[in-house]
Amino acid sequence: MGRLTRAAETIAATRDPRHRIDLAGGDELARLAGSFNTMLAELEASAAAQRRLVADASHELRTPLTGLRTTVDLLARDLPPDRRDQAVRTLRAQAAEMTGLVNDLIELARGERVDRAPEAVRLDEVVLHCVRAQRRDRPQARFTTELEPVLVEAVPDRITRAVANLLDNAAKFAPEGEPVEVRLRGTGGAELTVRDHGPGIPEEDLPYVFDRFYRAPSARSLPGSGLGLAIVAQVAEASGAAATAERPEGGGTLMRLTFPEATRPDEDGNPPTETGPDTAPAADE
């Protein structure tokens, strides 16, 4: 018990969770020490993740901030009207990029707090809402949908953000005139797939596409923070789902969001009391 007490006092004084308690045996005190070490390991991993996020965010924020300072310096000079207008457009674009990055960082930070209970969400309605928003914001993009009605357990605004990020990512890489194919199946769980016909993700990049701030070489010239797919992965984990990226036959990229548990809604769109009736898929072109 003395070792346990001293370790707790040391950690409280130093705020360093790398300490461990070496206490052999199978009695209650040894099991308590083992649980204490497990807790310390989790705290150490969490602290390391926070340090990485801060370091990565600091690095990513420097580039748009440098651009903003440079453009402001240009505006401070006596520029001709055409160059001044160009500088203003650049400032607006850089400010929008900064806003997107900060919003994504806030979303990631929010996702690490379990302060909202999941509820039954009509995933097909969420997907349809996000597709319509993309069509409004990206009129040059073409989406096709095949959506089965399905209910999943999730936090509504978080799952909406994840679906929106998947669609936005696909639309950025889809060649003009080529469709982004969005399908939702609700048999034996739920599976949402979003497939574009763009250049695809190199095989060596597939394991990293959901990492924070990771951007494949082919995507570094495109707007974005490198956090959109990280948010998808975080929301998926919090919802008991899995997010994966694949190179489908025929080229392009296929993103898959899989929920192991899902139900079909009843005729009123609510969770069934026992076994809800099947309804026809919702198609939207």
C-alpha atoms as a PDB file:
ATOM      1  CA  MET A   1       0.000   0.000   0.000  1.00  0.00           C
ATOM      2  CA  GLY A   2       2.949   2.314   0.671  1.00  0.00           C
ATOM      3  CA  ARG A   3       4.187   1.962  -2.943  1.00  0.00           C
ATOM      4  CA  LEU A   4       0.728   2.767  -4.273  1.00  0.00           C
ATOM      5  CA  THR A   5       0.444   5.825  -2.075  1.00  0.00           C
ATOM      6  CA  ARG A   6       3.916   7.085  -3.021  1.00  0.00           C
ATOM      7  CA  ALA A   7       3.220   6.566  -6.738  1.00  0.00           C
ATOM      8  CA  ALA A   8      -0.050   8.512  -6.507  1.00  0.00           C
ATOM      9  CA  GLU A   9       1.700  11.334  -4.651  1.00  0.00           C
ATOM     10  CA  THR A  10       4.524  11.424  -7.210  1.00  0.00           C
ATOM     11  CA  ILE A  11       2.112  11.572 -10.152  1.00  0.00           C
ATOM     12  CA  ALA A  12       0.062  14.298  -8.456  1.00  0.00           C
ATOM     13  CA  ALA A  13       3.237  16.339  -7.887  1.00  0.00           C
ATOM     14  CA  THR A  14       4.854  15.824 -11.307  1.00  0.00           C
ATOM     15  CA  ARG A  15       1.757  15.267 -13.515  1.00  0.00           C
ATOM     16  CA  ASP A  16       3.802  12.566 -15.222  1.00  0.00           C
ATOM     17  CA  PRO A  17       1.782   9.373 -15.911  1.00  0.00           C
ATOM     18  CA  ARG A  18       4.834   7.376 -17.027  1.00  0.00           C
ATOM     19  CA  HIS A  19       5.332   5.976 -13.537  1.00  0.00           C
ATOM     20  CA  ARG A  20       4.370   2.340 -12.890  1.00  0.00           C
ATOM     21  CA  ILE A  21       3.991   0.228  -9.755  1.00  0.00           C
ATOM     22  CA  ASP A  22       5.922  -3.039  -9.669  1.00  0.00           C
ATOM     23  CA  LEU A  23       3.931  -5.191  -7.282  1.00  0.00           C
ATOM     24  CA  ALA A  24       3.911  -8.957  -7.827  1.00  0.00           C
ATOM     25  CA  GLY A  25       1.387 -11.413  -6.481  1.00  0.00           C
ATOM     26  CA  GLY A  26      -2.263 -12.298  -6.909  1.00  0.00           C
ATOM     27  CA  ASP A  27      -3.846 -10.661  -3.900  1.00  0.00           C
ATOM     28  CA  GLU A  28      -6.230  -7.726  -3.896  1.00  0.00           C
ATOM     29  CA  LEU A  29      -3.445  -5.171  -3.542  1.00  0.00           C
ATOM     30  CA  ALA A  30      -1.564  -6.549  -6.561  1.00  0.00           C
ATOM     31  CA  ARG A  31      -4.736  -6.453  -8.667  1.00  0.00           C
ATOM     32  CA  LEU A  32      -5.295  -2.865  -7.550  1.00  0.00           C
ATOM     33  CA  ALA A  33      -1.742  -2.021  -8.619  1.00  0.00           C
ATOM     34  CA  GLY A  34      -2.384  -3.631 -12.003  1.00  0.00           C
ATOM     35  CA  SER A  35      -5.539  -1.573 -12.473  1.00  0.00           C
ATOM     36  CA  PHE A  36      -3.624   1.529 -11.422  1.00  0.00           C
ATOM     37  CA  ASN A  37      -0.939   0.792 -14.050  1.00  0.00           C
ATOM     38  CA  THR A  38      -3.596   0.303 -16.724  1.00  0.00           C
ATOM     39  CA  MET A  39      -5.110   3.654 -15.839  1.00  0.00           C
ATOM     40  CA  LEU A  40      -1.682   5.300 -16.019  1.00  0.00           C
ATOM     41  CA  ALA A  41      -1.040   3.779 -19.444  1.00  0.00           C
ATOM     42  CA  GLU A  42      -4.340   5.204 -20.724  1.00  0.00           C
ATOM     43  CA  LEU A  43      -3.507   8.615 -19.276  1.00  0.00           C
ATOM     44  CA  GLU A  44      -0.058   8.507 -20.871  1.00  0.00           C
ATOM     45  CA  ALA A  45      -1.538   7.629 -24.282  1.00  0.00           C
ATOM     46  CA  SER A  46      -4.119  10.416 -23.973  1.00  0.00           C
ATOM     47  CA  ALA A  47      -1.475  12.983 -23.029  1.00  0.00           C
ATOM     48  CA  ALA A  48       0.709  11.889 -25.962  1.00  0.00           C
ATOM     49  CA  ALA A  49      -2.252  12.218 -28.356  1.00  0.00           C
ATOM     50  CA  GLN A  50      -2.962  15.722 -27.066  1.00  0.00           C
ATOM     51  CA  ARG A  51       0.674  16.748 -27.541  1.00  0.00           C
ATOM     52  CA  ARG A  52       0.647  15.413 -31.118  1.00  0.00           C
ATOM     53  CA  LEU A  53      -2.592  17.261 -31.909  1.00  0.00           C
ATOM     54  CA  VAL A  54      -1.228  20.553 -30.567  1.00  0.00           C
ATOM     55  CA  ALA A  55       2.064  20.124 -32.445  1.00  0.00           C
ATOM     56  CA  ASP A  56       0.330  19.180 -35.695  1.00  0.00           C
ATOM     57  CA  ALA A  57      -2.214  21.984 -35.393  1.00  0.00           C
ATOM     58  CA  SER A  58       0.524  24.529 -34.716  1.00  0.00           C
ATOM     59  CA  HIS A  59       2.366  23.395 -37.818  1.00  0.00           C
ATOM     60  CA  GLU A  60      -0.747  23.498 -40.021  1.00  0.00           C
ATOM     61  CA  LEU A  61      -1.823  26.931 -38.771  1.00  0.00           C
ATOM     62  CA  ARG A  62       1.513  28.560 -39.629  1.00  0.00           C
ATOM     63  CA  THR A  63       1.019  28.306 -43.403  1.00  0.00           C
ATOM     64  CA  PRO A  64      -2.316  30.180 -43.716  1.00  0.00           C
ATOM     65  CA  LEU A  65      -1.223  32.696 -41.074  1.00  0.00           C
ATOM     66  CA  THR A  66       1.952  33.453 -43.041  1.00  0.00           C
ATOM     67  CA  GLY A  67      -0.131  33.874 -46.188  1.00  0.00           C
ATOM     68  CA  LEU A  68      -2.526  36.235 -44.421  1.00  0.00           C
ATOM     69  CA  ARG A  69       0.326  38.385 -43.101  1.00  0.00           C
ATOM     70  CA  THR A  70       1.925  38.576 -46.546  1.00  0.00           C
ATOM     71  CA  THR A  71      -1.329  39.607 -48.205  1.00  0.00           C
ATOM     72  CA  VAL A  72      -2.057  42.229 -45.535  1.00  0.00           C
ATOM     73  CA  ASP A  73       1.426  43.673 -46.105  1.00  0.00           C
ATOM     74  CA  LEU A  74       0.641  43.903 -49.819  1.00  0.00           C
ATOM     75  CA  LEU A  75      -2.641  45.708 -49.116  1.00  0.00           C
ATOM     76  CA  ALA A  76      -0.792  48.200 -46.947  1.00  0.00           C
ATOM     77  CA  ARG A  77       1.118  49.331 -50.020  1.00  0.00           C
ATOM     78  CA  ASP A  78      -0.279  51.596 -52.707  1.00  0.00           C
ATOM     79  CA  LEU A  79      -1.471  48.837 -55.016  1.00  0.00           C
ATOM     80  CA  PRO A  80      -3.231  49.439 -58.338  1.00  0.00           C
ATOM     81  CA  PRO A  81      -6.943  48.470 -58.274  1.00  0.00           C
ATOM     82  CA  ASP A  82      -6.502  45.149 -60.126  1.00  0.00           C
ATOM     83  CA  ARG A  83      -3.802  43.917 -57.751  1.00  0.00           C
ATOM     84  CA  ARG A  84      -5.764  45.166 -54.735  1.00  0.00           C
ATOM     85  CA  ASP A  85      -8.833  43.201 -55.850  1.00  0.00           C
ATOM     86  CA  GLN A  86      -6.704  40.088 -56.275  1.00  0.00           C
ATOM     87  CA  ALA A  87      -5.223  40.564 -52.798  1.00  0.00           C
ATOM     88  CA  VAL A  88      -8.707  40.866 -51.303  1.00  0.00           C
ATOM     89  CA  ARG A  89      -9.791  37.632 -53.023  1.00  0.00           C
ATOM     90  CA  THR A  90      -6.681  35.903 -51.679  1.00  0.00           C
ATOM     91  CA  LEU A  91      -7.379  37.169 -48.172  1.00  0.00           C
ATOM     92  CA  ARG A  92     -10.926  35.860 -48.288  1.00  0.00           C
ATOM     93  CA  ALA A  93      -9.781  32.446 -49.503  1.00  0.00           C
ATOM     94  CA  GLN A  94      -7.095  32.225 -46.830  1.00  0.00           C
ATOM     95  CA  ALA A  95      -9.540  33.348 -44.126  1.00  0.00           C
ATOM     96  CA  ALA A  96     -11.985  30.661 -45.275  1.00  0.00           C
ATOM     97  CA  GLU A  97      -9.209  28.071 -45.108  1.00  0.00           C
ATOM     98  CA  MET A  98      -8.342  29.184 -41.577  1.00  0.00           C
ATOM     99  CA  THR A  99     -12.010  29.043 -40.572  1.00  0.00           C
ATOM    100  CA  GLY A 100     -12.334  25.502 -41.920  1.00  0.00           C
ATOM    101  CA  LEU A 101      -9.209  24.374 -40.099  1.00  0.00           C
ATOM    102  CA  VAL A 102     -10.317  25.879 -36.786  1.00  0.00           C
ATOM    103  CA  ASN A 103     -13.813  24.384 -37.165  1.00  0.00           C
ATOM    104  CA  ASP A 104     -12.310  20.965 -37.856  1.00  0.00           C
ATOM    105  CA  LEU A 105     -10.059  21.237 -34.803  1.00  0.00           C
ATOM    106  CA  ILE A 106     -13.048  22.176 -32.651  1.00  0.00           C
ATOM    107  CA  GLU A 107     -14.990  19.218 -34.067  1.00  0.00           C
ATOM    108  CA  LEU A 108     -12.159  16.826 -33.227  1.00  0.00           C
ATOM    109  CA  ALA A 109     -11.924  18.222 -29.699  1.00  0.00           C
ATOM    110  CA  ARG A 110     -15.699  17.932 -29.234  1.00  0.00           C
ATOM    111  CA  GLY A 111     -15.632  14.332 -30.383  1.00  0.00           C
ATOM    112  CA  GLU A 112     -13.259  13.354 -27.594  1.00  0.00           C
ATOM    113  CA  ARG A 113     -15.853  14.318 -24.970  1.00  0.00           C
ATOM    114  CA  VAL A 114     -18.687  11.918 -24.333  1.00  0.00           C
ATOM    115  CA  ASP A 115     -21.255  14.545 -23.302  1.00  0.00           C
ATOM    116  CA  ARG A 116     -24.173  13.631 -25.602  1.00  0.00           C
ATOM    117  CA  ALA A 117     -25.984  10.336 -25.678  1.00  0.00           C
ATOM    118  CA  PRO A 118     -26.490   8.650 -29.054  1.00  0.00           C
ATOM    119  CA  GLU A 119     -30.019   8.215 -30.320  1.00  0.00           C
ATOM    120  CA  ALA A 120     -31.825   6.456 -33.164  1.00  0.00           C
ATOM    121  CA  VAL A 121     -31.010   8.355 -36.370  1.00  0.00           C
ATOM    122  CA  ARG A 122     -32.511   7.802 -39.827  1.00  0.00           C
ATOM    123  CA  LEU A 123     -29.214   7.442 -41.669  1.00  0.00           C
ATOM    124  CA  ASP A 124     -30.876   7.484 -45.097  1.00  0.00           C
ATOM    125  CA  GLU A 125     -32.417  10.878 -44.338  1.00  0.00           C
ATOM    126  CA  VAL A 126     -29.083  12.212 -43.102  1.00  0.00           C
ATOM    127  CA  VAL A 127     -27.364  11.042 -46.292  1.00  0.00           C
ATOM    128  CA  LEU A 128     -30.066  12.548 -48.506  1.00  0.00           C
ATOM    129  CA  HIS A 129     -29.834  15.873 -46.643  1.00  0.00           C
ATOM    130  CA  CYS A 130     -26.032  15.926 -47.118  1.00  0.00           C
ATOM    131  CA  VAL A 131     -26.293  15.016 -50.815  1.00  0.00           C
ATOM    132  CA  ARG A 132     -28.727  17.880 -51.414  1.00  0.00           C
ATOM    133  CA  ALA A 133     -26.390  20.289 -49.612  1.00  0.00           C
ATOM    134  CA  GLN A 134     -23.491  19.145 -51.808  1.00  0.00           C
ATOM    135  CA  ARG A 135     -25.559  19.626 -54.957  1.00  0.00           C
ATOM    136  CA  ARG A 136     -26.333  23.157 -53.843  1.00  0.00           C
ATOM    137  CA  ASP A 137     -22.738  24.021 -52.921  1.00  0.00           C
ATOM    138  CA  ARG A 138     -21.062  22.093 -55.765  1.00  0.00           C
ATOM    139  CA  PRO A 139     -23.363  22.445 -58.783  1.00  0.00           C
ATOM    140  CA  GLN A 140     -20.686  20.968 -61.044  1.00  0.00           C
ATOM    141  CA  ALA A 141     -20.671  17.696 -59.069  1.00  0.00           C
ATOM    142  CA  ARG A 142     -23.007  14.837 -59.947  1.00  0.00           C
ATOM    143  CA  PHE A 143     -24.361  12.499 -57.265  1.00  0.00           C
ATOM    144  CA  THR A 144     -26.377   9.325 -57.669  1.00  0.00           C
ATOM    145  CA  THR A 145     -28.001   7.685 -54.657  1.00  0.00           C
ATOM    146  CA  GLU A 146     -29.536   4.365 -53.713  1.00  0.00           C
ATOM    147  CA  LEU A 147     -30.636   4.546 -50.103  1.00  0.00           C
ATOM    148  CA  GLU A 148     -32.467   2.009 -47.980  1.00  0.00           C
ATOM    149  CA  PRO A 149     -34.295   3.314 -44.889  1.00  0.00           C
ATOM    150  CA  VAL A 150     -32.264   2.392 -41.834  1.00  0.00           C
ATOM    151  CA  LEU A 151     -31.864   3.499 -38.219  1.00  0.00           C
ATOM    152  CA  VAL A 152     -28.501   3.620 -36.448  1.00  0.00           C
ATOM    153  CA  GLU A 153     -27.464   4.743 -32.980  1.00  0.00           C
ATOM    154  CA  ALA A 154     -25.452   7.970 -33.257  1.00  0.00           C
ATOM    155  CA  VAL A 155     -25.277  11.607 -32.205  1.00  0.00           C
ATOM    156  CA  PRO A 156     -27.267  13.342 -34.986  1.00  0.00           C
ATOM    157  CA  ASP A 157     -25.072  16.370 -35.712  1.00  0.00           C
ATOM    158  CA  ARG A 158     -21.870  14.317 -35.455  1.00  0.00           C
ATOM    159  CA  ILE A 159     -23.009  11.628 -37.908  1.00  0.00           C
ATOM    160  CA  THR A 160     -24.251  14.381 -40.247  1.00  0.00           C
ATOM    161  CA  ARG A 161     -20.794  15.964 -40.185  1.00  0.00           C
ATOM    162  CA  ALA A 162     -19.138  12.610 -40.916  1.00  0.00           C
ATOM    163  CA  VAL A 163     -21.398  11.906 -43.914  1.00  0.00           C
ATOM    164  CA  ALA A 164     -20.903  15.453 -45.222  1.00  0.00           C
ATOM    165  CA  ASN A 165     -17.128  15.006 -45.013  1.00  0.00           C
ATOM    166  CA  LEU A 166     -17.265  11.738 -46.961  1.00  0.00           C
ATOM    167  CA  LEU A 167     -19.326  13.355 -49.729  1.00  0.00           C
ATOM    168  CA  ASP A 168     -17.170  16.476 -49.822  1.00  0.00           C
ATOM    169  CA  ASN A 169     -14.006  14.402 -50.077  1.00  0.00           C
ATOM    170  CA  ALA A 170     -15.422  12.398 -52.995  1.00  0.00           C
ATOM    171  CA  ALA A 171     -16.694  15.501 -54.811  1.00  0.00           C
ATOM    172  CA  LYS A 172     -13.243  17.121 -54.661  1.00  0.00           C
ATOM    173  CA  PHE A 173     -11.674  14.256 -56.596  1.00  0.00           C
ATOM    174  CA  ALA A 174     -14.524  13.308 -58.938  1.00  0.00           C
ATOM    175  CA  PRO A 175     -13.840  14.319 -62.557  1.00  0.00           C
ATOM    176  CA  GLU A 176     -16.431  16.653 -64.055  1.00  0.00           C
ATOM    177  CA  GLY A 177     -19.347  14.671 -65.439  1.00  0.00           C
ATOM    178  CA  GLU A 178     -18.439  11.493 -63.551  1.00  0.00           C
ATOM    179  CA  PRO A 179     -20.868  10.524 -60.765  1.00  0.00           C
ATOM    180  CA  VAL A 180     -20.220  10.164 -57.082  1.00  0.00           C
ATOM    181  CA  GLU A 181     -22.106   6.970 -56.253  1.00  0.00           C
ATOM    182  CA  VAL A 182     -23.732   6.947 -52.809  1.00  0.00           C
ATOM    183  CA  ARG A 183     -25.321   3.728 -51.562  1.00  0.00           C
ATOM    184  CA  LEU A 184     -26.796   2.754 -48.212  1.00  0.00           C
ATOM    185  CA  ARG A 185     -27.701  -0.843 -47.347  1.00  0.00           C
ATOM    186  CA  GLY A 186     -29.558  -1.803 -44.191  1.00  0.00           C
ATOM    187  CA  THR A 187     -29.374  -5.595 -44.135  1.00  0.00           C
ATOM    188  CA  GLY A 188     -27.480  -7.169 -41.227  1.00  0.00           C
ATOM    189  CA  GLY A 189     -26.360  -3.795 -39.926  1.00  0.00           C
ATOM    190  CA  ALA A 190     -25.907  -0.726 -42.115  1.00  0.00           C
ATOM    191  CA  GLU A 191     -23.284   0.077 -44.718  1.00  0.00           C
ATOM    192  CA  LEU A 192     -22.791   3.425 -46.428  1.00  0.00           C
ATOM    193  CA  THR A 193     -20.465   3.527 -49.424  1.00  0.00           C
ATOM    194  CA  VAL A 194     -19.308   6.639 -51.288  1.00  0.00           C
ATOM    195  CA  ARG A 195     -17.437   5.981 -54.499  1.00  0.00           C
ATOM    196  CA  ASP A 196     -15.805   8.495 -56.847  1.00  0.00           C
ATOM    197  CA  HIS A 197     -14.096   7.891 -60.180  1.00  0.00           C
ATOM    198  CA  GLY A 198     -11.135  10.149 -59.592  1.00  0.00           C
ATOM    199  CA  PRO A 199      -7.419   9.307 -59.549  1.00  0.00           C
ATOM    200  CA  GLY A 200      -7.760   7.068 -56.478  1.00  0.00           C
ATOM    201  CA  ILE A 201      -5.576   6.779 -53.393  1.00  0.00           C
ATOM    202  CA  PRO A 202      -2.151   5.157 -53.828  1.00  0.00           C
ATOM    203  CA  GLU A 203      -1.939   1.784 -52.123  1.00  0.00           C
ATOM    204  CA  GLU A 204       0.791   2.994 -49.775  1.00  0.00           C
ATOM    205  CA  ASP A 205      -1.412   5.883 -48.565  1.00  0.00           C
ATOM    206  CA  LEU A 206      -4.526   3.840 -47.737  1.00  0.00           C
ATOM    207  CA  PRO A 207      -3.498   3.035 -44.116  1.00  0.00           C
ATOM    208  CA  TYR A 208      -3.057   6.730 -43.324  1.00  0.00           C
ATOM    209  CA  VAL A 209      -5.997   8.535 -44.960  1.00  0.00           C
ATOM    210  CA  PHE A 210      -7.937   8.739 -41.672  1.00  0.00           C
ATOM    211  CA  ASP A 211      -4.953  10.104 -39.704  1.00  0.00           C
ATOM    212  CA  ARG A 212      -5.106  13.690 -38.498  1.00  0.00           C
ATOM    213  CA  PHE A 213      -3.524  16.170 -40.923  1.00  0.00           C
ATOM    214  CA  TYR A 214      -2.486  13.423 -43.329  1.00  0.00           C
ATOM    215  CA  ARG A 215      -2.786  14.466 -46.959  1.00  0.00           C
ATOM    216  CA  ALA A 216      -1.676  12.298 -49.840  1.00  0.00           C
ATOM    217  CA  PRO A 217       0.710  13.996 -52.301  1.00  0.00           C
ATOM    218  CA  SER A 218      -2.069  14.145 -54.914  1.00  0.00           C
ATOM    219  CA  ALA A 219      -4.306  16.112 -52.512  1.00  0.00           C
ATOM    220  CA  ARG A 220      -1.845  18.709 -51.225  1.00  0.00           C
ATOM    221  CA  SER A 221      -2.713  21.225 -53.911  1.00  0.00           C
ATOM    222  CA  LEU A 222      -6.437  21.025 -53.092  1.00  0.00           C
ATOM    223  CA  PRO A 223      -8.206  23.084 -50.418  1.00  0.00           C
ATOM    224  CA  GLY A 224      -8.802  21.382 -47.086  1.00  0.00           C
ATOM    225  CA  SER A 225      -7.327  20.901 -43.645  1.00  0.00           C
ATOM    226  CA  GLY A 226      -6.466  17.211 -43.750  1.00  0.00           C
ATOM    227  CA  LEU A 227      -8.891  16.683 -40.861  1.00  0.00           C
ATOM    228  CA  GLY A 228     -12.130  15.776 -42.657  1.00  0.00           C
ATOM    229  CA  LEU A 229     -11.530  12.025 -42.801  1.00  0.00           C
ATOM    230  CA  ALA A 230     -10.056  12.045 -39.285  1.00  0.00           C
ATOM    231  CA  ILE A 231     -13.424  13.368 -38.106  1.00  0.00           C
ATOM    232  CA  VAL A 232     -15.162  10.573 -40.030  1.00  0.00           C
ATOM    233  CA  ALA A 233     -13.025   7.965 -38.257  1.00  0.00           C
ATOM    234  CA  GLN A 234     -13.610   9.554 -34.869  1.00  0.00           C
ATOM    235  CA  VAL A 235     -17.387   9.698 -35.336  1.00  0.00           C
ATOM    236  CA  ALA A 236     -17.408   6.109 -36.596  1.00  0.00           C
ATOM    237  CA  GLU A 237     -15.540   4.868 -33.529  1.00  0.00           C
ATOM    238  CA  ALA A 238     -17.843   6.771 -31.167  1.00  0.00           C
ATOM    239  CA  SER A 239     -20.868   5.249 -32.952  1.00  0.00           C
ATOM    240  CA  GLY A 240     -19.547   1.669 -32.846  1.00  0.00           C
ATOM    241  CA  ALA A 241     -18.952   1.781 -36.604  1.00  0.00           C
ATOM    242  CA  ALA A 242     -15.878   1.400 -38.810  1.00  0.00           C
ATOM    243  CA  ALA A 243     -14.547   3.659 -41.573  1.00  0.00           C
ATOM    244  CA  THR A 244     -12.376   2.217 -44.341  1.00  0.00           C
ATOM    245  CA  ALA A 245     -10.927   3.361 -47.667  1.00  0.00           C
ATOM    246  CA  GLU A 246     -10.463   1.113 -50.683  1.00  0.00           C
ATOM    247  CA  ARG A 247      -9.237   1.107 -54.278  1.00  0.00           C
ATOM    248  CA  PRO A 248     -12.211  -0.408 -56.147  1.00  0.00           C
ATOM    249  CA  GLU A 249     -11.898  -2.278 -59.393  1.00  0.00           C
ATOM    250  CA  GLY A 250     -12.146   0.213 -62.244  1.00  0.00           C
ATOM    251  CA  GLY A 251     -10.335   3.016 -60.404  1.00  0.00           C
ATOM    252  CA  GLY A 252     -11.331   5.831 -58.111  1.00  0.00           C
ATOM    253  CA  THR A 253     -11.845   5.619 -54.360  1.00  0.00           C
ATOM    254  CA  LEU A 254     -14.498   3.879 -52.296  1.00  0.00           C
ATOM    255  CA  MET A 255     -15.117   5.007 -48.723  1.00  0.00           C
ATOM    256  CA  ARG A 256     -17.092   2.637 -46.528  1.00  0.00           C
ATOM    257  CA  LEU A 257     -18.872   3.407 -43.241  1.00  0.00           C
ATOM    258  CA  THR A 258     -20.126   0.202 -41.609  1.00  0.00           C
ATOM    259  CA  PHE A 259     -22.457  -0.072 -38.606  1.00  0.00           C
ATOM    260  CA  PRO A 260     -22.618  -3.616 -37.179  1.00  0.00           C
ATOM    261  CA  GLU A 261     -26.036  -2.922 -35.633  1.00  0.00           C
ATOM    262  CA  ALA A 262     -28.976  -1.222 -37.319  1.00  0.00           C
ATOM    263  CA  THR A 263     -32.746  -1.561 -37.630  1.00  0.00           C
ATOM    264  CA  ARG A 264     -35.394  -0.817 -40.221  1.00  0.00           C
ATOM    265  CA  PRO A 265     -37.849   1.943 -39.245  1.00  0.00           C
ATOM    266  CA  ASP A 266     -41.553   1.283 -39.023  1.00  0.00           C
ATOM    267  CA  GLU A 267     -44.120   2.908 -41.314  1.00  0.00           C
ATOM    268  CA  ASP A 268     -43.915   6.147 -39.324  1.00  0.00           C
ATOM    269  CA  GLY A 269     -40.120   6.236 -39.548  1.00  0.00           C
ATOM    270  CA  ASN A 270     -39.647   5.248 -35.891  1.00  0.00           C
ATOM    271  CA  PRO A 271     -37.725   2.350 -34.355  1.00  0.00           C
ATOM    272  CA  PRO A 272     -39.872  -0.801 -34.593  1.00  0.00           C
ATOM    273  CA  THR A 273     -41.309  -2.191 -31.384  1.00  0.00           C
ATOM    274  CA  GLU A 274     -40.434  -5.691 -32.541  1.00  0.00           C
ATOM    275  CA  THR A 275     -39.846  -6.309 -36.230  1.00  0.00           C
ATOM    276  CA  GLY A 276     -40.555  -3.340 -38.476  1.00  0.00           C
ATOM    277  CA  PRO A 277     -41.812  -3.815 -42.043  1.00  0.00           C
ATOM    278  CA  ASP A 278     -39.396  -3.472 -44.944  1.00  0.00           C
ATOM    279  CA  THR A 279     -39.906  -0.473 -47.154  1.00  0.00           C
ATOM    280  CA  ALA A 280     -38.648   0.263 -50.621  1.00  0.00           C
ATOM    281  CA  PRO A 281     -35.254   1.938 -51.082  1.00  0.00           C
ATOM    282  CA  ALA A 282     -35.220   5.695 -51.543  1.00  0.00           C
ATOM    283  CA  ALA A 283     -33.706   6.582 -54.905  1.00  0.00           C
ATOM    284  CA  ASP A 284     -32.608  10.130 -55.699  1.00  0.00           C
ATOM    285  CA  GLU A 285     -30.909  11.148 -58.943  1.00  0.00           C
END
